[in-house]
Amino acid sequence: MKLIYSDQYDLNLGDHVFPSIKYRLIREKVLRDGVAQPEDFVEPPAASDDDIALVHHRDYIRKLQTGKLSYLEILRLEIPYSPELVRAVWLSAGGSILAGRLALQDGACANIGGGFHHAYPDHGEGFCVLNDIAVAIRRLQKDRIIERAMTVDCDVHQGNGTAAIFAGDPSVFTLSIHQANNYPYPKPPSTLDLNLADGAGDEEYLRELEKGLDQALAEFQAEIILYVAGADPYREDQLGGLKLTLEGLEKRDRLVFGRAHAKKIPVAVTFAGGYARHVEDTVTIHTNTIRVAKEFTS
């Protein structure tokens, strides 16, 4: 299984709750632990402006590229604007397109960056500048590689941007399992939202996810799943209020990959959020996702 990675994925955030250093640390850990070999890593090309424009408004794209975002638009991003940030998100979008193509070829692929599910066509928010998930789906559809895609969003925060982008589109099924009483407000409806109460732990989470996956896969014939494998349902996460353990999160991954494997649906993974008090925990959660994915594709 190939892993999409660039040293330039780092969002250049400095001292920020979003640990964008995690991308490099994930690469180092999977190599150190023998989960992957150097030849498994693929450098992504940046998405083209036309790729980005399949989802995002041209005016927003120009503002990003020329540094013309307003003060309020930057505040809404909740991360500092920089040329390095713009380069990183264009690369992450290209990485998610490539992950989709390689997943269709090999059964699974992980983009170590990406998963920026709060971005809307005309603005970014919640640490998300471009919605690489939507860009990847639209590019695969444009190339006629697929017609129908499903997003399975397991970040602790609802995928509001993704839900809004695909609202009313019968070719994309959006599933989001998340903490109900958490960002974002409001939450545009996904095709299927699984709203969890504060403090939900492994048992409840896995029960609801299993039911949701079975319902989604019975209703919708997906040709690919975009799996948003956020690390922030973890009980030690600073921005989440769920109580999943490391073991529970690994069982979550097995459930998603197991259901997809049984239906012979390729899976492209993005890693989205993760804000554990100790960044090593976030890196372990993401590494475990890669390990589980490889088990189902080896």
Protein backbone atom coordinates (compact mmCIF):
# COMPACT_ATOMS: atom_id res chain seq x y z
CA MET A 1 0.00 0.00 0.00
CA LYS A 2 1.31 3.41 -0.98
CA LEU A 3 1.49 6.38 1.40
CA ILE A 4 1.27 9.92 0.04
CA TYR A 5 3.58 12.34 1.84
CA SER A 6 5.52 15.56 1.40
CA ASP A 7 7.81 17.36 3.80
CA GLN A 8 5.90 20.47 2.69
CA TYR A 9 2.67 19.19 4.27
CA ASP A 10 3.69 21.04 7.42
CA LEU A 11 1.24 23.95 7.65
CA ASN A 12 3.87 26.25 9.18
CA LEU A 13 1.64 27.06 12.16
CA GLY A 14 4.26 27.57 14.87
CA ASP A 15 2.94 27.17 18.42
CA HIS A 16 -0.62 26.07 17.59
CA VAL A 17 -3.04 23.43 18.89
CA PHE A 18 -2.99 21.82 15.42
CA PRO A 19 0.29 19.86 15.47
CA SER A 20 1.16 19.93 11.78
CA ILE A 21 4.53 18.46 12.74
CA LYS A 22 2.55 15.22 13.08
CA TYR A 23 2.90 14.53 9.35
CA ARG A 24 6.67 14.18 9.59
CA LEU A 25 6.38 12.25 12.86
CA ILE A 26 3.95 9.75 11.28
CA ARG A 27 6.39 9.10 8.45
CA GLU A 28 9.24 8.59 10.92
CA LYS A 29 7.19 6.24 13.11
CA VAL A 30 5.87 3.98 10.35
CA LEU A 31 9.43 3.60 9.06
CA ARG A 32 10.86 3.02 12.54
CA ASP A 33 8.17 0.46 13.41
CA GLY A 34 8.49 -1.38 10.11
CA VAL A 35 4.89 -0.59 9.15
CA ALA A 36 6.13 0.85 5.85
CA GLN A 37 9.32 0.96 3.81
CA PRO A 38 10.87 4.02 2.15
CA GLU A 39 9.71 2.81 -1.26
CA ASP A 40 6.08 2.87 -0.06
CA PHE A 41 6.09 6.69 0.07
CA VAL A 42 4.97 8.72 -2.93
CA GLU A 43 5.49 12.47 -3.30
CA PRO A 44 2.25 14.18 -4.38
CA PRO A 45 1.96 16.73 -7.16
CA ALA A 46 0.16 19.90 -6.20
CA ALA A 47 -3.44 20.02 -7.36
CA SER A 48 -3.95 22.32 -10.34
CA ASP A 49 -6.03 25.47 -9.98
CA ASP A 50 -8.60 23.83 -12.26
CA ASP A 51 -8.76 20.86 -9.89
CA ILE A 52 -9.38 23.20 -6.95
CA ALA A 53 -12.01 25.09 -8.96
CA LEU A 54 -14.05 21.89 -9.30
CA VAL A 55 -15.10 22.69 -5.71
CA HIS A 56 -13.92 26.16 -4.73
CA HIS A 57 -14.84 29.57 -6.15
CA ARG A 58 -12.21 31.20 -8.37
CA ASP A 59 -12.36 34.39 -6.31
CA TYR A 60 -11.48 32.48 -3.14
CA ILE A 61 -8.64 30.69 -4.95
CA ARG A 62 -7.21 34.03 -6.11
CA LYS A 63 -7.41 35.50 -2.61
CA LEU A 64 -5.47 32.55 -1.22
CA GLN A 65 -2.79 32.74 -3.89
CA THR A 66 -2.30 36.50 -3.68
CA GLY A 67 -2.59 36.92 0.09
CA LYS A 68 -5.77 39.00 -0.26
CA LEU A 69 -7.88 37.27 2.38
CA SER A 70 -9.56 39.77 4.68
CA TYR A 71 -8.80 39.92 8.38
CA LEU A 72 -12.14 38.26 9.13
CA GLU A 73 -11.50 35.50 6.57
CA ILE A 74 -8.17 34.72 8.23
CA LEU A 75 -9.81 34.77 11.67
CA ARG A 76 -12.34 32.24 10.42
CA LEU A 77 -9.52 29.92 9.31
CA GLU A 78 -8.21 29.90 12.91
CA ILE A 79 -4.69 29.34 11.58
CA PRO A 80 -2.10 31.92 10.42
CA TYR A 81 -1.98 32.65 6.71
CA SER A 82 1.35 32.17 4.94
CA PRO A 83 2.67 31.20 1.49
CA GLU A 84 3.81 27.93 3.10
CA LEU A 85 0.22 27.24 4.19
CA VAL A 86 -1.06 27.78 0.65
CA ARG A 87 1.62 25.48 -0.79
CA ALA A 88 0.77 22.80 1.80
CA VAL A 89 -2.97 22.76 1.11
CA TRP A 90 -2.51 22.64 -2.68
CA LEU A 91 -0.17 19.68 -2.14
CA SER A 92 -2.63 18.01 0.24
CA ALA A 93 -5.39 18.31 -2.34
CA GLY A 94 -3.10 16.80 -4.97
CA GLY A 95 -2.24 14.08 -2.46
CA SER A 96 -5.89 13.20 -1.92
CA ILE A 97 -6.51 13.00 -5.68
CA LEU A 98 -3.51 10.67 -5.98
CA ALA A 99 -4.65 8.63 -2.97
CA GLY A 100 -7.99 8.09 -4.66
CA ARG A 101 -6.37 6.92 -7.88
CA LEU A 102 -3.98 4.56 -6.09
CA ALA A 103 -6.74 3.21 -3.86
CA LEU A 104 -8.74 2.29 -6.95
CA GLN A 105 -5.64 0.55 -8.29
CA ASP A 106 -4.40 -1.17 -5.11
CA GLY A 107 -7.45 -1.40 -2.83
CA ALA A 108 -6.30 1.23 -0.33
CA CYS A 109 -4.03 4.25 -0.06
CA ALA A 110 -3.41 6.81 2.67
CA ASN A 111 -2.72 10.50 2.21
CA ILE A 112 -0.81 11.39 5.38
CA GLY A 113 -2.04 14.96 4.88
CA GLY A 114 -5.54 16.08 4.04
CA GLY A 115 -8.96 15.52 5.53
CA PHE A 116 -9.79 19.25 5.66
CA HIS A 117 -13.53 18.73 5.88
CA HIS A 118 -14.60 22.14 7.24
CA ALA A 119 -13.68 24.08 4.08
CA TYR A 120 -16.57 25.43 1.97
CA PRO A 121 -16.49 26.47 -1.69
CA ASP A 122 -16.11 30.17 -0.81
CA HIS A 123 -14.21 30.11 2.49
CA GLY A 124 -12.13 28.09 4.89
CA GLU A 125 -12.76 27.55 8.58
CA GLY A 126 -11.78 25.36 11.50
CA PHE A 127 -8.12 24.89 10.42
CA CYS A 128 -9.31 23.88 6.91
CA VAL A 129 -8.39 25.97 3.85
CA LEU A 130 -9.32 23.69 0.92
CA ASN A 131 -11.64 20.69 1.02
CA ASP A 132 -9.25 18.12 -0.43
CA ILE A 133 -11.80 15.33 0.08
CA ALA A 134 -14.32 17.01 -2.21
CA VAL A 135 -11.62 18.02 -4.70
CA ALA A 136 -10.46 14.41 -4.96
CA ILE A 137 -13.99 13.10 -5.55
CA ARG A 138 -14.78 15.73 -8.16
CA ARG A 139 -11.52 15.10 -10.03
CA LEU A 140 -12.09 11.32 -10.06
CA GLN A 141 -15.62 11.92 -11.32
CA LYS A 142 -14.42 14.40 -13.95
CA ASP A 143 -11.91 11.83 -15.22
CA ARG A 144 -14.75 9.26 -15.30
CA ILE A 145 -12.76 6.90 -13.11
CA ILE A 146 -15.73 6.75 -10.75
CA GLU A 147 -19.33 7.90 -10.72
CA ARG A 148 -20.29 7.32 -7.08
CA ALA A 149 -18.30 7.99 -3.90
CA MET A 150 -18.92 7.73 -0.17
CA THR A 151 -17.25 9.73 2.58
CA VAL A 152 -16.94 8.08 5.99
CA ASP A 153 -15.97 10.89 8.34
CA CYS A 154 -14.81 9.71 11.77
CA ASP A 155 -13.33 12.98 12.97
CA VAL A 156 -14.79 14.12 16.31
CA HIS A 157 -16.16 17.22 14.52
CA GLN A 158 -18.92 16.95 11.92
CA GLY A 159 -17.77 17.38 8.32
CA ASN A 160 -19.81 20.49 7.64
CA GLY A 161 -17.99 21.67 4.52
CA THR A 162 -18.18 18.25 2.90
CA ALA A 163 -21.87 17.93 3.80
CA ALA A 164 -22.65 21.33 2.28
CA ILE A 165 -20.65 20.73 -0.90
CA PHE A 166 -22.42 17.45 -1.68
CA ALA A 167 -25.90 18.39 -0.41
CA GLY A 168 -28.49 17.16 -2.87
CA ASP A 169 -25.93 15.28 -4.98
CA PRO A 170 -27.10 11.67 -5.40
CA SER A 171 -23.64 10.61 -6.63
CA VAL A 172 -22.00 11.17 -3.22
CA PHE A 173 -23.09 9.70 0.12
CA THR A 174 -21.73 11.58 3.15
CA LEU A 175 -21.60 9.77 6.50
CA SER A 176 -20.33 11.60 9.59
CA ILE A 177 -20.01 10.20 13.13
CA HIS A 178 -19.13 12.93 15.59
CA GLN A 179 -19.72 14.56 18.95
CA ALA A 180 -23.04 16.41 18.68
CA ASN A 181 -22.19 19.13 21.20
CA ASN A 182 -19.03 20.38 19.52
CA TYR A 183 -17.84 22.52 16.61
CA PRO A 184 -19.17 23.28 14.01
CA TYR A 185 -22.34 25.29 14.58
CA PRO A 186 -24.59 24.95 12.67
CA LYS A 187 -24.11 21.50 11.16
CA PRO A 188 -25.46 21.19 7.59
CA PRO A 189 -26.99 17.72 7.27
CA SER A 190 -24.85 14.94 5.86
CA THR A 191 -26.62 12.10 4.07
CA LEU A 192 -26.29 10.29 7.41
CA ASP A 193 -25.23 11.99 10.63
CA LEU A 194 -24.46 9.89 13.72
CA ASN A 195 -24.61 12.34 16.59
CA LEU A 196 -22.92 11.14 19.78
CA ALA A 197 -23.39 12.51 23.29
CA ASP A 198 -20.51 13.99 25.26
CA GLY A 199 -18.38 11.28 26.84
CA ALA A 200 -19.38 8.45 24.49
CA GLY A 201 -16.78 5.69 24.66
CA ASP A 202 -15.63 2.70 22.66
CA GLU A 203 -18.73 0.54 23.02
CA GLU A 204 -21.30 3.15 22.03
CA TYR A 205 -19.12 4.59 19.26
CA LEU A 206 -18.43 1.24 17.63
CA ARG A 207 -22.07 0.16 17.92
CA GLU A 208 -23.33 3.33 16.24
CA LEU A 209 -20.63 3.29 13.57
CA GLU A 210 -21.37 -0.35 12.70
CA LYS A 211 -25.10 0.41 12.34
CA GLY A 212 -24.37 3.52 10.29
CA LEU A 213 -21.94 1.79 7.95
CA ASP A 214 -24.34 -1.10 7.39
CA GLN A 215 -27.17 1.32 6.61
CA ALA A 216 -25.04 3.43 4.27
CA LEU A 217 -23.61 0.46 2.38
CA ALA A 218 -27.08 -1.08 2.02
CA GLU A 219 -28.51 2.16 0.60
CA PHE A 220 -25.65 3.28 -1.62
CA GLN A 221 -23.41 1.45 -4.09
CA ALA A 222 -20.08 3.22 -3.60
CA GLU A 223 -17.17 2.78 -5.99
CA ILE A 224 -14.72 4.30 -3.49
CA ILE A 225 -14.77 5.34 0.16
CA LEU A 226 -12.97 8.48 1.30
CA TYR A 227 -12.21 7.64 4.94
CA VAL A 228 -11.57 10.67 7.14
CA ALA A 229 -9.70 8.95 9.97
CA GLY A 230 -9.50 11.72 12.55
CA ALA A 231 -7.54 10.96 15.73
CA ASP A 232 -9.59 13.37 17.83
CA PRO A 233 -12.30 11.03 19.19
CA TYR A 234 -9.47 9.96 21.53
CA ARG A 235 -10.18 10.45 25.24
CA GLU A 236 -7.07 12.62 25.72
CA ASP A 237 -7.87 15.00 22.86
CA GLN A 238 -7.86 18.72 23.69
CA LEU A 239 -10.63 19.64 21.22
CA GLY A 240 -12.84 16.59 21.58
CA GLY A 241 -15.27 15.34 24.21
CA LEU A 242 -15.52 11.66 23.32
CA LYS A 243 -13.73 8.96 25.31
CA LEU A 244 -12.33 6.47 22.83
CA THR A 245 -9.22 4.52 23.79
CA LEU A 246 -6.32 3.71 21.50
CA GLU A 247 -7.75 0.20 21.23
CA GLY A 248 -11.20 1.54 20.42
CA LEU A 249 -9.83 3.72 17.63
CA GLU A 250 -8.01 0.76 16.13
CA LYS A 251 -11.27 -1.23 16.25
CA ARG A 252 -12.94 1.69 14.46
CA ASP A 253 -10.36 1.38 11.67
CA ARG A 254 -10.90 -2.38 11.45
CA LEU A 255 -14.64 -1.84 11.19
CA VAL A 256 -14.32 0.64 8.32
CA PHE A 257 -11.75 -1.37 6.38
CA GLY A 258 -13.51 -4.65 7.13
CA ARG A 259 -16.86 -3.44 5.80
CA ALA A 260 -15.22 -1.92 2.72
CA HIS A 261 -13.16 -5.07 2.08
CA ALA A 262 -16.26 -7.27 2.32
CA LYS A 263 -17.93 -5.14 -0.34
CA LYS A 264 -14.73 -4.88 -2.43
CA ILE A 265 -14.77 -1.07 -2.16
CA PRO A 266 -11.38 0.69 -2.33
CA VAL A 267 -10.55 3.07 0.52
CA ALA A 268 -8.58 6.32 0.32
CA VAL A 269 -7.61 7.60 3.77
CA THR A 270 -7.01 11.14 4.98
CA PHE A 271 -6.04 11.90 8.58
CA ALA A 272 -7.85 15.13 9.46
CA GLY A 273 -7.74 16.22 13.12
CA GLY A 274 -5.88 15.05 16.20
CA TYR A 275 -4.99 17.24 19.15
CA ALA A 276 -3.94 14.86 21.92
CA ARG A 277 -2.18 16.38 24.91
CA HIS A 278 0.84 14.30 23.87
CA VAL A 279 1.44 14.45 20.12
CA GLU A 280 2.91 10.94 20.31
CA ASP A 281 -0.61 9.62 20.96
CA THR A 282 -1.96 11.31 17.84
CA VAL A 283 0.92 9.87 15.81
CA THR A 284 0.27 6.39 17.24
CA ILE A 285 -3.44 6.57 16.31
CA HIS A 286 -2.62 7.52 12.71
CA THR A 287 0.11 4.89 12.49
CA ASN A 288 -2.35 2.25 13.66
CA THR A 289 -4.74 3.29 10.88
CA ILE A 290 -1.98 2.67 8.32
CA ARG A 291 -1.16 -0.68 9.93
CA VAL A 292 -4.80 -1.81 9.78
CA ALA A 293 -5.18 -0.63 6.18
CA LYS A 294 -2.15 -2.65 5.16
CA GLU A 295 -3.59 -5.78 6.81
CA PHE A 296 -6.63 -5.57 4.54
CA THR A 297 -4.61 -4.96 1.38
CA SER A 298 -1.63 -7.29 1.82
